[in-house]
Amino acid sequence: MTLARAVEVLKAQAVVPAADGSLEVSGCFAADLMSDVLAFGREGSLLVTGLATDQAIRTAAIMHLVAVVIIEGKTVQADLVETAREEGVPVYQTPLSKYEACGLLMQAGLRPYRKGVTPN
């Protein structure tokens, strides 16, 4: 799935848009604990999170994630935007809940990551 398609599925708005919407998203990881993202996330995935802080962006950069999607229409602060631009991490915002976002992405064909299991 492309990043542009994932953004469309999530009814998301760009906060810090990707330079290239045709980037491939290889899977999805949903978490609010960045320690979980560091332990279980995989390069090339999309992070769906309720954590609207620069910590989510720094974690995404370390893990080489494709983008971060902030759920529940949470307000995105200037420090998050600044960090995202510095790190080159695209950020999107959706009014959907984490549950809804993940369900829609699965219906659209994006597979979750589970430790030790390669997505289809």
PDB file of N, CA and C in Angstrom:
ATOM      1  N   MET A   1       0.856  -1.171   0.000  1.00  0.00           N
ATOM      2  CA  MET A   1       0.000   0.000   0.000  1.00  0.00           C
ATOM      3  C   MET A   1       0.902   1.235   0.000  1.00  0.00           C
ATOM      4  N   THR A   2       0.497   2.249  -0.720  1.00  0.00           N
ATOM      5  CA  THR A   2       1.264   3.493  -0.702  1.00  0.00           C
ATOM      6  C   THR A   2       0.840   4.346   0.491  1.00  0.00           C
ATOM      7  N   LEU A   3       1.706   5.255   0.853  1.00  0.00           N
ATOM      8  CA  LEU A   3       1.379   6.181   1.934  1.00  0.00           C
ATOM      9  C   LEU A   3       0.160   7.014   1.552  1.00  0.00           C
ATOM     10  N   ALA A   4       0.089   7.459   0.312  1.00  0.00           N
ATOM     11  CA  ALA A   4      -1.057   8.259  -0.134  1.00  0.00           C
ATOM     12  C   ALA A   4      -2.367   7.491   0.040  1.00  0.00           C
ATOM     13  N   ARG A   5      -2.355   6.198  -0.260  1.00  0.00           N
ATOM     14  CA  ARG A   5      -3.557   5.378  -0.093  1.00  0.00           C
ATOM     15  C   ARG A   5      -3.911   5.223   1.386  1.00  0.00           C
ATOM     16  N   ALA A   6      -2.921   5.017   2.232  1.00  0.00           N
ATOM     17  CA  ALA A   6      -3.171   4.895   3.670  1.00  0.00           C
ATOM     18  C   ALA A   6      -3.788   6.177   4.219  1.00  0.00           C
ATOM     19  N   VAL A   7      -3.264   7.315   3.786  1.00  0.00           N
ATOM     20  CA  VAL A   7      -3.799   8.610   4.224  1.00  0.00           C
ATOM     21  C   VAL A   7      -5.251   8.760   3.775  1.00  0.00           C
ATOM     22  N   GLU A   8      -5.537   8.336   2.561  1.00  0.00           N
ATOM     23  CA  GLU A   8      -6.909   8.394   2.041  1.00  0.00           C
ATOM     24  C   GLU A   8      -7.843   7.503   2.859  1.00  0.00           C
ATOM     25  N   VAL A   9      -7.423   6.288   3.140  1.00  0.00           N
ATOM     26  CA  VAL A   9      -8.227   5.345   3.914  1.00  0.00           C
ATOM     27  C   VAL A   9      -8.540   5.905   5.300  1.00  0.00           C
ATOM     28  N   LEU A  10      -7.561   6.594   5.886  1.00  0.00           N
ATOM     29  CA  LEU A  10      -7.716   7.119   7.246  1.00  0.00           C
ATOM     30  C   LEU A  10      -8.407   8.481   7.316  1.00  0.00           C
ATOM     31  N   LYS A  11      -8.768   9.022   6.162  1.00  0.00           N
ATOM     32  CA  LYS A  11      -9.386  10.355   6.121  1.00  0.00           C
ATOM     33  C   LYS A  11      -8.494  11.356   6.870  1.00  0.00           C
ATOM     34  N   ALA A  12      -7.192  11.204   6.654  1.00  0.00           N
ATOM     35  CA  ALA A  12      -6.201  11.981   7.401  1.00  0.00           C
ATOM     36  C   ALA A  12      -5.822  13.270   6.668  1.00  0.00           C
ATOM     37  N   GLN A  13      -5.432  14.242   7.456  1.00  0.00           N
ATOM     38  CA  GLN A  13      -4.948  15.516   6.941  1.00  0.00           C
ATOM     39  C   GLN A  13      -3.458  15.616   7.228  1.00  0.00           C
ATOM     40  N   ALA A  14      -2.732  16.176   6.283  1.00  0.00           N
ATOM     41  CA  ALA A  14      -1.293  16.325   6.461  1.00  0.00           C
ATOM     42  C   ALA A  14      -0.988  17.419   7.475  1.00  0.00           C
ATOM     43  N   VAL A  15      -0.126  17.111   8.410  1.00  0.00           N
ATOM     44  CA  VAL A  15       0.434  18.092   9.341  1.00  0.00           C
ATOM     45  C   VAL A  15       1.817  18.461   8.821  1.00  0.00           C
ATOM     46  N   VAL A  16       2.605  17.435   8.521  1.00  0.00           N
ATOM     47  CA  VAL A  16       3.893  17.568   7.838  1.00  0.00           C
ATOM     48  C   VAL A  16       3.836  16.545   6.715  1.00  0.00           C
ATOM     49  N   PRO A  17       3.498  16.983   5.499  1.00  0.00           N
ATOM     50  CA  PRO A  17       3.286  16.034   4.404  1.00  0.00           C
ATOM     51  C   PRO A  17       4.576  15.338   3.961  1.00  0.00           C
ATOM     52  N   ALA A  18       4.401  14.152   3.400  1.00  0.00           N
ATOM     53  CA  ALA A  18       5.526  13.416   2.824  1.00  0.00           C
ATOM     54  C   ALA A  18       5.916  14.079   1.515  1.00  0.00           C
ATOM     55  N   ALA A  19       7.201  14.066   1.238  1.00  0.00           N
ATOM     56  CA  ALA A  19       7.686  14.591  -0.040  1.00  0.00           C
ATOM     57  C   ALA A  19       7.196  13.712  -1.180  1.00  0.00           C
ATOM     58  N   ASP A  20       6.968  12.427  -0.886  1.00  0.00           N
ATOM     59  CA  ASP A  20       6.565  11.468  -1.911  1.00  0.00           C
ATOM     60  C   ASP A  20       5.465  10.563  -1.367  1.00  0.00           C
ATOM     61  N   GLY A  21       4.238  10.778  -1.822  1.00  0.00           N
ATOM     62  CA  GLY A  21       3.108   9.973  -1.365  1.00  0.00           C
ATOM     63  C   GLY A  21       3.125   8.557  -1.896  1.00  0.00           C
ATOM     64  N   SER A  22       4.016   8.285  -2.866  1.00  0.00           N
ATOM     65  CA  SER A  22       4.071   6.940  -3.431  1.00  0.00           C
ATOM     66  C   SER A  22       4.970   6.002  -2.625  1.00  0.00           C
ATOM     67  N   LEU A  23       5.474   6.482  -1.478  1.00  0.00           N
ATOM     68  CA  LEU A  23       6.267   5.615  -0.601  1.00  0.00           C
ATOM     69  C   LEU A  23       5.453   4.389  -0.232  1.00  0.00           C
ATOM     70  N   GLU A  24       6.093   3.234  -0.230  1.00  0.00           N
ATOM     71  CA  GLU A  24       5.414   1.999   0.134  1.00  0.00           C
ATOM     72  C   GLU A  24       5.376   1.837   1.649  1.00  0.00           C
ATOM     73  N   VAL A  25       4.198   1.508   2.154  1.00  0.00           N
ATOM     74  CA  VAL A  25       4.012   1.187   3.569  1.00  0.00           C
ATOM     75  C   VAL A  25       3.901  -0.326   3.637  1.00  0.00           C
ATOM     76  N   SER A  26       4.819  -0.947   4.362  1.00  0.00           N
ATOM     77  CA  SER A  26       4.867  -2.410   4.374  1.00  0.00           C
ATOM     78  C   SER A  26       4.039  -3.041   5.489  1.00  0.00           C
ATOM     79  N   GLY A  27       3.586  -2.237   6.438  1.00  0.00           N
ATOM     80  CA  GLY A  27       2.779  -2.758   7.531  1.00  0.00           C
ATOM     81  C   GLY A  27       2.368  -1.639   8.460  1.00  0.00           C
ATOM     82  N   CYS A  28       1.655  -1.998   9.499  1.00  0.00           N
ATOM     83  CA  CYS A  28       1.152  -1.001  10.439  1.00  0.00           C
ATOM     84  C   CYS A  28       1.471  -1.436  11.859  1.00  0.00           C
ATOM     85  N   PHE A  29       1.796  -0.449  12.676  1.00  0.00           N
ATOM     86  CA  PHE A  29       2.046  -0.696  14.090  1.00  0.00           C
ATOM     87  C   PHE A  29       1.301   0.383  14.858  1.00  0.00           C
ATOM     88  N   ALA A  30       0.479  -0.006  15.823  1.00  0.00           N
ATOM     89  CA  ALA A  30      -0.290   0.945  16.615  1.00  0.00           C
ATOM     90  C   ALA A  30       0.138   0.851  18.068  1.00  0.00           C
ATOM     91  N   ALA A  31       0.582   1.987  18.613  1.00  0.00           N
ATOM     92  CA  ALA A  31       1.024   1.999  20.000  1.00  0.00           C
ATOM     93  C   ALA A  31       1.090   3.421  20.523  1.00  0.00           C
ATOM     94  N   ASP A  32       0.942   3.549  21.824  1.00  0.00           N
ATOM     95  CA  ASP A  32       1.148   4.828  22.499  1.00  0.00           C
ATOM     96  C   ASP A  32       2.417   4.791  23.343  1.00  0.00           C
ATOM     97  N   LEU A  33       2.906   3.613  23.631  1.00  0.00           N
ATOM     98  CA  LEU A  33       4.154   3.462  24.372  1.00  0.00           C
ATOM     99  C   LEU A  33       5.298   3.366  23.372  1.00  0.00           C
ATOM    100  N   MET A  34       6.156   4.361  23.351  1.00  0.00           N
ATOM    101  CA  MET A  34       7.238   4.366  22.382  1.00  0.00           C
ATOM    102  C   MET A  34       8.251   3.268  22.670  1.00  0.00           C
ATOM    103  N   SER A  35       8.291   2.782  23.910  1.00  0.00           N
ATOM    104  CA  SER A  35       9.154   1.634  24.202  1.00  0.00           C
ATOM    105  C   SER A  35       8.672   0.399  23.447  1.00  0.00           C
ATOM    106  N   ASP A  36       7.351   0.264  23.253  1.00  0.00           N
ATOM    107  CA  ASP A  36       6.817  -0.839  22.450  1.00  0.00           C
ATOM    108  C   ASP A  36       7.206  -0.681  20.984  1.00  0.00           C
ATOM    109  N   VAL A  37       7.155   0.533  20.485  1.00  0.00           N
ATOM    110  CA  VAL A  37       7.544   0.785  19.095  1.00  0.00           C
ATOM    111  C   VAL A  37       9.018   0.422  18.904  1.00  0.00           C
ATOM    112  N   LEU A  38       9.860   0.826  19.845  1.00  0.00           N
ATOM    113  CA  LEU A  38      11.286   0.508  19.757  1.00  0.00           C
ATOM    114  C   LEU A  38      11.527  -0.997  19.842  1.00  0.00           C
ATOM    115  N   ALA A  39      10.741  -1.684  20.646  1.00  0.00           N
ATOM    116  CA  ALA A  39      10.940  -3.124  20.832  1.00  0.00           C
ATOM    117  C   ALA A  39      10.338  -3.960  19.710  1.00  0.00           C
ATOM    118  N   PHE A  40       9.194  -3.530  19.163  1.00  0.00           N
ATOM    119  CA  PHE A  40       8.451  -4.400  18.253  1.00  0.00           C
ATOM    120  C   PHE A  40       8.180  -3.813  16.870  1.00  0.00           C
ATOM    121  N   GLY A  41       8.389  -2.518  16.685  1.00  0.00           N
ATOM    122  CA  GLY A  41       8.122  -1.895  15.395  1.00  0.00           C
ATOM    123  C   GLY A  41       9.116  -2.355  14.340  1.00  0.00           C
ATOM    124  N   ARG A  42       8.750  -2.150  13.080  1.00  0.00           N
ATOM    125  CA  ARG A  42       9.627  -2.541  11.978  1.00  0.00           C
ATOM    126  C   ARG A  42       9.757  -1.411  10.971  1.00  0.00           C
ATOM    127  N   GLU A  43      10.944  -1.313  10.427  1.00  0.00           N
ATOM    128  CA  GLU A  43      11.229  -0.324   9.392  1.00  0.00           C
ATOM    129  C   GLU A  43      10.207  -0.445   8.265  1.00  0.00           C
ATOM    130  N   GLY A  44       9.782   0.708   7.744  1.00  0.00           N
ATOM    131  CA  GLY A  44       8.849   0.720   6.622  1.00  0.00           C
ATOM    132  C   GLY A  44       7.391   0.707   7.007  1.00  0.00           C
ATOM    133  N   SER A  45       7.110   0.663   8.311  1.00  0.00           N
ATOM    134  CA  SER A  45       5.719   0.610   8.742  1.00  0.00           C
ATOM    135  C   SER A  45       5.170   2.000   9.043  1.00  0.00           C
ATOM    136  N   LEU A  46       3.881   2.043   9.195  1.00  0.00           N
ATOM    137  CA  LEU A  46       3.139   3.245   9.550  1.00  0.00           C
ATOM    138  C   LEU A  46       2.838   3.156  11.039  1.00  0.00           C
ATOM    139  N   LEU A  47       3.102   4.229  11.779  1.00  0.00           N
ATOM    140  CA  LEU A  47       2.789   4.251  13.206  1.00  0.00           C
ATOM    141  C   LEU A  47       1.475   4.990  13.420  1.00  0.00           C
ATOM    142  N   VAL A  48       0.520   4.311  14.032  1.00  0.00           N
ATOM    143  CA  VAL A  48      -0.761   4.899  14.412  1.00  0.00           C
ATOM    144  C   VAL A  48      -0.695   5.072  15.927  1.00  0.00           C
ATOM    145  N   THR A  49      -0.820   6.318  16.394  1.00  0.00           N
ATOM    146  CA  THR A  49      -0.622   6.579  17.817  1.00  0.00           C
ATOM    147  C   THR A  49      -1.482   7.726  18.322  1.00  0.00           C
ATOM    148  N   GLY A  50      -1.724   7.698  19.613  1.00  0.00           N
ATOM    149  CA  GLY A  50      -2.401   8.801  20.285  1.00  0.00           C
ATOM    150  C   GLY A  50      -1.411   9.738  20.955  1.00  0.00           C
ATOM    151  N   LEU A  51      -0.130   9.429  20.854  1.00  0.00           N
ATOM    152  CA  LEU A  51       0.903  10.246  21.471  1.00  0.00           C
ATOM    153  C   LEU A  51       1.274  11.388  20.534  1.00  0.00           C
ATOM    154  N   ALA A  52       0.769  12.563  20.820  1.00  0.00           N
ATOM    155  CA  ALA A  52       0.981  13.737  19.961  1.00  0.00           C
ATOM    156  C   ALA A  52       2.114  14.594  20.506  1.00  0.00           C
ATOM    157  N   THR A  53       3.290  13.980  20.652  1.00  0.00           N
ATOM    158  CA  THR A  53       4.464  14.709  21.135  1.00  0.00           C
ATOM    159  C   THR A  53       5.648  14.417  20.219  1.00  0.00           C
ATOM    160  N   ASP A  54       6.709  15.202  20.406  1.00  0.00           N
ATOM    161  CA  ASP A  54       7.895  14.992  19.584  1.00  0.00           C
ATOM    162  C   ASP A  54       8.551  13.646  19.875  1.00  0.00           C
ATOM    163  N   GLN A  55       8.234  13.017  21.001  1.00  0.00           N
ATOM    164  CA  GLN A  55       8.771  11.697  21.315  1.00  0.00           C
ATOM    165  C   GLN A  55       8.348  10.673  20.254  1.00  0.00           C
ATOM    166  N   ALA A  56       7.117  10.761  19.784  1.00  0.00           N
ATOM    167  CA  ALA A  56       6.638   9.849  18.741  1.00  0.00           C
ATOM    168  C   ALA A  56       7.435  10.048  17.449  1.00  0.00           C
ATOM    169  N   ILE A  57       7.767  11.285  17.143  1.00  0.00           N
ATOM    170  CA  ILE A  57       8.515  11.583  15.919  1.00  0.00           C
ATOM    171  C   ILE A  57       9.946  11.069  16.036  1.00  0.00           C
ATOM    172  N   ARG A  58      10.568  11.314  17.157  1.00  0.00           N
ATOM    173  CA  ARG A  58      11.955  10.842  17.344  1.00  0.00           C
ATOM    174  C   ARG A  58      12.022   9.310  17.280  1.00  0.00           C
ATOM    175  N   THR A  59      11.037   8.657  17.849  1.00  0.00           N
ATOM    176  CA  THR A  59      10.985   7.196  17.795  1.00  0.00           C
ATOM    177  C   THR A  59      10.804   6.724  16.353  1.00  0.00           C
ATOM    178  N   ALA A  60       9.918   7.372  15.615  1.00  0.00           N
ATOM    179  CA  ALA A  60       9.694   7.009  14.212  1.00  0.00           C
ATOM    180  C   ALA A  60      10.970   7.182  13.395  1.00  0.00           C
ATOM    181  N   ALA A  61      11.720   8.224  13.674  1.00  0.00           N
ATOM    182  CA  ALA A  61      12.969   8.462  12.952  1.00  0.00           C
ATOM    183  C   ALA A  61      13.992   7.372  13.268  1.00  0.00           C
ATOM    184  N   ILE A  62      14.118   7.013  14.527  1.00  0.00           N
ATOM    185  CA  ILE A  62      15.060   5.968  14.935  1.00  0.00           C
ATOM    186  C   ILE A  62      14.718   4.639  14.268  1.00  0.00           C
ATOM    187  N   MET A  63      13.424   4.336  14.173  1.00  0.00           N
ATOM    188  CA  MET A  63      12.968   3.051  13.630  1.00  0.00           C
ATOM    189  C   MET A  63      12.785   3.068  12.114  1.00  0.00           C
ATOM    190  N   HIS A  64      13.011   4.213  11.479  1.00  0.00           N
ATOM    191  CA  HIS A  64      12.846   4.354  10.021  1.00  0.00           C
ATOM    192  C   HIS A  64      11.431   3.994   9.584  1.00  0.00           C
ATOM    193  N   LEU A  65      10.452   4.562  10.304  1.00  0.00           N
ATOM    194  CA  LEU A  65       9.053   4.357   9.949  1.00  0.00           C
ATOM    195  C   LEU A  65       8.680   5.299   8.806  1.00  0.00           C
ATOM    196  N   VAL A  66       7.689   4.922   8.030  1.00  0.00           N
ATOM    197  CA  VAL A  66       7.293   5.711   6.862  1.00  0.00           C
ATOM    198  C   VAL A  66       6.611   7.008   7.275  1.00  0.00           C
ATOM    199  N   ALA A  67       5.751   6.946   8.285  1.00  0.00           N
ATOM    200  CA  ALA A  67       5.012   8.134   8.726  1.00  0.00           C
ATOM    201  C   ALA A  67       4.359   7.846  10.075  1.00  0.00           C
ATOM    202  N   VAL A  68       3.885   8.929  10.684  1.00  0.00           N
ATOM    203  CA  VAL A  68       3.158   8.850  11.952  1.00  0.00           C
ATOM    204  C   VAL A  68       1.761   9.408  11.719  1.00  0.00           C
ATOM    205  N   VAL A  69       0.755   8.701  12.205  1.00  0.00           N
ATOM    206  CA  VAL A  69      -0.628   9.168  12.144  1.00  0.00           C
ATOM    207  C   VAL A  69      -1.112   9.365  13.571  1.00  0.00           C
ATOM    208  N   ILE A  70      -1.484  10.599  13.891  1.00  0.00           N
ATOM    209  CA  ILE A  70      -2.019  10.948  15.204  1.00  0.00           C
ATOM    210  C   ILE A  70      -3.530  10.769  15.152  1.00  0.00           C
ATOM    211  N   ILE A  71      -4.069  10.021  16.091  1.00  0.00           N
ATOM    212  CA  ILE A  71      -5.496   9.678  16.089  1.00  0.00           C
ATOM    213  C   ILE A  71      -6.336  10.667  16.901  1.00  0.00           C
ATOM    214  N   GLU A  72      -7.655  10.464  16.828  1.00  0.00           N
ATOM    215  CA  GLU A  72      -8.643  11.169  17.652  1.00  0.00           C
ATOM    216  C   GLU A  72      -8.646  12.687  17.436  1.00  0.00           C
ATOM    217  N   GLY A  73      -8.070  13.153  16.323  1.00  0.00           N
ATOM    218  CA  GLY A  73      -8.044  14.592  16.046  1.00  0.00           C
ATOM    219  C   GLY A  73      -7.309  15.402  17.085  1.00  0.00           C
ATOM    220  N   LYS A  74      -6.367  14.772  17.775  1.00  0.00           N
ATOM    221  CA  LYS A  74      -5.618  15.460  18.834  1.00  0.00           C
ATOM    222  C   LYS A  74      -4.854  16.651  18.277  1.00  0.00           C
ATOM    223  N   THR A  75      -4.731  17.662  19.103  1.00  0.00           N
ATOM    224  CA  THR A  75      -4.003  18.861  18.727  1.00  0.00           C
ATOM    225  C   THR A  75      -2.521  18.548  18.614  1.00  0.00           C
ATOM    226  N   VAL A  76      -1.928  19.003  17.524  1.00  0.00           N
ATOM    227  CA  VAL A  76      -0.504  18.794  17.293  1.00  0.00           C
ATOM    228  C   VAL A  76       0.213  20.097  17.611  1.00  0.00           C
ATOM    229  N   GLN A  77       1.153  20.018  18.541  1.00  0.00           N
ATOM    230  CA  GLN A  77       1.878  21.205  18.993  1.00  0.00           C
ATOM    231  C   GLN A  77       3.024  21.553  18.035  1.00  0.00           C
ATOM    232  N   ALA A  78       3.495  22.787  18.150  1.00  0.00           N
ATOM    233  CA  ALA A  78       4.562  23.292  17.281  1.00  0.00           C
ATOM    234  C   ALA A  78       5.854  22.494  17.430  1.00  0.00           C
ATOM    235  N   ASP A  79       6.163  22.005  18.639  1.00  0.00           N
ATOM    236  CA  ASP A  79       7.410  21.250  18.814  1.00  0.00           C
ATOM    237  C   ASP A  79       7.385  19.933  18.043  1.00  0.00           C
ATOM    238  N   LEU A  80       6.221  19.298  17.942  1.00  0.00           N
ATOM    239  CA  LEU A  80       6.090  18.086  17.151  1.00  0.00           C
ATOM    240  C   LEU A  80       6.334  18.392  15.682  1.00  0.00           C
ATOM    241  N   VAL A  81       5.732  19.454  15.186  1.00  0.00           N
ATOM    242  CA  VAL A  81       5.897  19.843  13.778  1.00  0.00           C
ATOM    243  C   VAL A  81       7.358  20.161  13.478  1.00  0.00           C
ATOM    244  N   GLU A  82       7.988  20.911  14.359  1.00  0.00           N
ATOM    245  CA  GLU A  82       9.396  21.271  14.171  1.00  0.00           C
ATOM    246  C   GLU A  82      10.283  20.023  14.145  1.00  0.00           C
ATOM    247  N   THR A  83      10.063  19.110  15.077  1.00  0.00           N
ATOM    248  CA  THR A  83      10.851  17.878  15.127  1.00  0.00           C
ATOM    249  C   THR A  83      10.609  17.021  13.889  1.00  0.00           C
ATOM    250  N   ALA A  84       9.360  16.934  13.448  1.00  0.00           N
ATOM    251  CA  ALA A  84       9.037  16.147  12.254  1.00  0.00           C
ATOM    252  C   ALA A  84       9.756  16.700  11.020  1.00  0.00           C
ATOM    253  N   ARG A  85       9.783  17.995  10.892  1.00  0.00           N
ATOM    254  CA  ARG A  85      10.495  18.607   9.756  1.00  0.00           C
ATOM    255  C   ARG A  85      11.994  18.354   9.846  1.00  0.00           C
ATOM    256  N   GLU A  86      12.554  18.501  11.041  1.00  0.00           N
ATOM    257  CA  GLU A  86      13.987  18.251  11.244  1.00  0.00           C
ATOM    258  C   GLU A  86      14.359  16.804  10.932  1.00  0.00           C
ATOM    259  N   GLU A  87      13.521  15.873  11.346  1.00  0.00           N
ATOM    260  CA  GLU A  87      13.810  14.443  11.189  1.00  0.00           C
ATOM    261  C   GLU A  87      13.340  13.883   9.842  1.00  0.00           C
ATOM    262  N   GLY A  88      12.550  14.667   9.108  1.00  0.00           N
ATOM    263  CA  GLY A  88      12.026  14.190   7.826  1.00  0.00           C
ATOM    264  C   GLY A  88      10.972  13.107   7.972  1.00  0.00           C
ATOM    265  N   VAL A  89      10.170  13.209   9.029  1.00  0.00           N
ATOM    266  CA  VAL A  89       9.117  12.225   9.291  1.00  0.00           C
ATOM    267  C   VAL A  89       7.763  12.846   8.956  1.00  0.00           C
ATOM    268  N   PRO A  90       7.050  12.306   7.972  1.00  0.00           N
ATOM    269  CA  PRO A  90       5.712  12.809   7.664  1.00  0.00           C
ATOM    270  C   PRO A  90       4.749  12.534   8.823  1.00  0.00           C
ATOM    271  N   VAL A  91       3.855  13.490   9.058  1.00  0.00           N
ATOM    272  CA  VAL A  91       2.871  13.363  10.135  1.00  0.00           C
ATOM    273  C   VAL A  91       1.491  13.696   9.588  1.00  0.00           C
ATOM    274  N   TYR A  92       0.533  12.874   9.963  1.00  0.00           N
ATOM    275  CA  TYR A  92      -0.855  13.068   9.551  1.00  0.00           C
ATOM    276  C   TYR A  92      -1.736  12.996  10.788  1.00  0.00           C
ATOM    277  N   GLN A  93      -2.907  13.564  10.655  1.00  0.00           N
ATOM    278  CA  GLN A  93      -3.861  13.616  11.765  1.00  0.00           C
ATOM    279  C   GLN A  93      -5.192  13.088  11.251  1.00  0.00           C
ATOM    280  N   THR A  94      -5.814  12.209  12.031  1.00  0.00           N
ATOM    281  CA  THR A  94      -7.113  11.660  11.657  1.00  0.00           C
ATOM    282  C   THR A  94      -8.101  11.812  12.812  1.00  0.00           C
ATOM    283  N   PRO A  95      -9.377  12.003  12.504  1.00  0.00           N
ATOM    284  CA  PRO A  95     -10.383  12.061  13.571  1.00  0.00           C
ATOM    285  C   PRO A  95     -10.743  10.670  14.096  1.00  0.00           C
ATOM    286  N   LEU A  96     -10.276   9.629  13.433  1.00  0.00           N
ATOM    287  CA  LEU A  96     -10.628   8.263  13.803  1.00  0.00           C
ATOM    288  C   LEU A  96      -9.961   7.831  15.108  1.00  0.00           C
ATOM    289  N   SER A  97     -10.567   6.849  15.764  1.00  0.00           N
ATOM    290  CA  SER A  97      -9.937   6.223  16.926  1.00  0.00           C
ATOM    291  C   SER A  97      -8.858   5.263  16.428  1.00  0.00           C
ATOM    292  N   LYS A  98      -8.033   4.812  17.328  1.00  0.00           N
ATOM    293  CA  LYS A  98      -6.992   3.843  16.957  1.00  0.00           C
ATOM    294  C   LYS A  98      -7.633   2.561  16.414  1.00  0.00           C
ATOM    295  N   TYR A  99      -8.684   2.131  17.066  1.00  0.00           N
ATOM    296  CA  TYR A  99      -9.393   0.919  16.652  1.00  0.00           C
ATOM    297  C   TYR A  99      -9.938   1.070  15.229  1.00  0.00           C
ATOM    298  N   GLU A 100     -10.616   2.195  14.974  1.00  0.00           N
ATOM    299  CA  GLU A 100     -11.163   2.433  13.641  1.00  0.00           C
ATOM    300  C   GLU A 100     -10.057   2.515  12.588  1.00  0.00           C
ATOM    301  N   ALA A 101      -9.009   3.251  12.902  1.00  0.00           N
ATOM    302  CA  ALA A 101      -7.913   3.435  11.952  1.00  0.00           C
ATOM    303  C   ALA A 101      -7.288   2.092  11.573  1.00  0.00           C
ATOM    304  N   CYS A 102      -6.990   1.285  12.560  1.00  0.00           N
ATOM    305  CA  CYS A 102      -6.366  -0.010  12.288  1.00  0.00           C
ATOM    306  C   CYS A 102      -7.316  -0.928  11.518  1.00  0.00           C
ATOM    307  N   GLY A 103      -8.584  -0.912  11.879  1.00  0.00           N
ATOM    308  CA  GLY A 103      -9.572  -1.736  11.170  1.00  0.00           C
ATOM    309  C   GLY A 103      -9.680  -1.354   9.707  1.00  0.00           C
ATOM    310  N   LEU A 104      -9.731  -0.059   9.430  1.00  0.00           N
ATOM    311  CA  LEU A 104      -9.823   0.395   8.043  1.00  0.00           C
ATOM    312  C   LEU A 104      -8.564   0.055   7.249  1.00  0.00           C
ATOM    313  N   LEU A 105      -7.421   0.187   7.868  1.00  0.00           N
ATOM    314  CA  LEU A 105      -6.172  -0.160   7.176  1.00  0.00           C
ATOM    315  C   LEU A 105      -6.117  -1.660   6.878  1.00  0.00           C
ATOM    316  N   MET A 106      -6.583  -2.489   7.814  1.00  0.00           N
ATOM    317  CA  MET A 106      -6.618  -3.936   7.565  1.00  0.00           C
ATOM    318  C   MET A 106      -7.586  -4.266   6.448  1.00  0.00           C
ATOM    319  N   GLN A 107      -8.764  -3.637   6.446  1.00  0.00           N
ATOM    320  CA  GLN A 107      -9.734  -3.879   5.380  1.00  0.00           C
ATOM    321  C   GLN A 107      -9.174  -3.482   4.022  1.00  0.00           C
ATOM    322  N   ALA A 108      -8.323  -2.471   4.004  1.00  0.00           N
ATOM    323  CA  ALA A 108      -7.728  -2.001   2.758  1.00  0.00           C
ATOM    324  C   ALA A 108      -6.526  -2.852   2.338  1.00  0.00           C
ATOM    325  N   GLY A 109      -6.140  -3.816   3.179  1.00  0.00           N
ATOM    326  CA  GLY A 109      -5.089  -4.749   2.808  1.00  0.00           C
ATOM    327  C   GLY A 109      -3.758  -4.572   3.506  1.00  0.00           C
ATOM    328  N   LEU A 110      -3.637  -3.580   4.372  1.00  0.00           N
ATOM    329  CA  LEU A 110      -2.377  -3.386   5.091  1.00  0.00           C
ATOM    330  C   LEU A 110      -2.338  -4.328   6.288  1.00  0.00           C
ATOM    331  N   ARG A 111      -1.292  -5.100   6.391  1.00  0.00           N
ATOM    332  CA  ARG A 111      -1.193  -6.113   7.431  1.00  0.00           C
ATOM    333  C   ARG A 111      -0.496  -5.574   8.670  1.00  0.00           C
ATOM    334  N   PRO A 112      -0.847  -6.108   9.832  1.00  0.00           N
ATOM    335  CA  PRO A 112      -0.164  -5.716  11.068  1.00  0.00           C
ATOM    336  C   PRO A 112       1.168  -6.452  11.180  1.00  0.00           C
ATOM    337  N   TYR A 113       2.007  -5.967  12.045  1.00  0.00           N
ATOM    338  CA  TYR A 113       3.240  -6.671  12.364  1.00  0.00           C
ATOM    339  C   TYR A 113       3.057  -7.385  13.680  1.00  0.00           C
ATOM    340  N   ARG A 114       3.481  -8.613  13.714  1.00  0.00           N
ATOM    341  CA  ARG A 114       3.545  -9.354  14.968  1.00  0.00           C
ATOM    342  C   ARG A 114       4.943  -9.932  15.051  1.00  0.00           C
ATOM    343  N   LYS A 115       5.484  -9.928  16.220  1.00  0.00           N
ATOM    344  CA  LYS A 115       6.841 -10.417  16.425  1.00  0.00           C
ATOM    345  C   LYS A 115       6.989 -11.829  15.859  1.00  0.00           C
ATOM    346  N   GLY A 116       7.965 -11.990  14.984  1.00  0.00           N
ATOM    347  CA  GLY A 116       8.232 -13.298  14.408  1.00  0.00           C
ATOM    348  C   GLY A 116       7.357 -13.688  13.240  1.00  0.00           C
ATOM    349  N   VAL A 117       6.429 -12.798  12.833  1.00  0.00           N
ATOM    350  CA  VAL A 117       5.524 -13.098  11.721  1.00  0.00           C
ATOM    351  C   VAL A 117       5.711 -12.035  10.656  1.00  0.00           C
ATOM    352  N   THR A 118       5.957 -12.461   9.432  1.00  0.00           N
ATOM    353  CA  THR A 118       6.091 -11.543   8.311  1.00  0.00           C
ATOM    354  C   THR A 118       4.710 -11.278   7.742  1.00  0.00           C
ATOM    355  N   PRO A 119       4.356  -9.971   7.532  1.00  0.00           N
ATOM    356  CA  PRO A 119       3.032  -9.668   6.996  1.00  0.00           C
ATOM    357  C   PRO A 119       2.902 -10.146   5.540  1.00  0.00           C
ATOM    358  N   ASN A 120       1.677 -10.417   5.123  1.00  0.00           N
ATOM    359  CA  ASN A 120       1.405 -10.835   3.735  1.00  0.00           C
ATOM    360  C   ASN A 120       1.566  -9.682   2.784  1.00  0.00           C
TER     361      ASN A 120
END
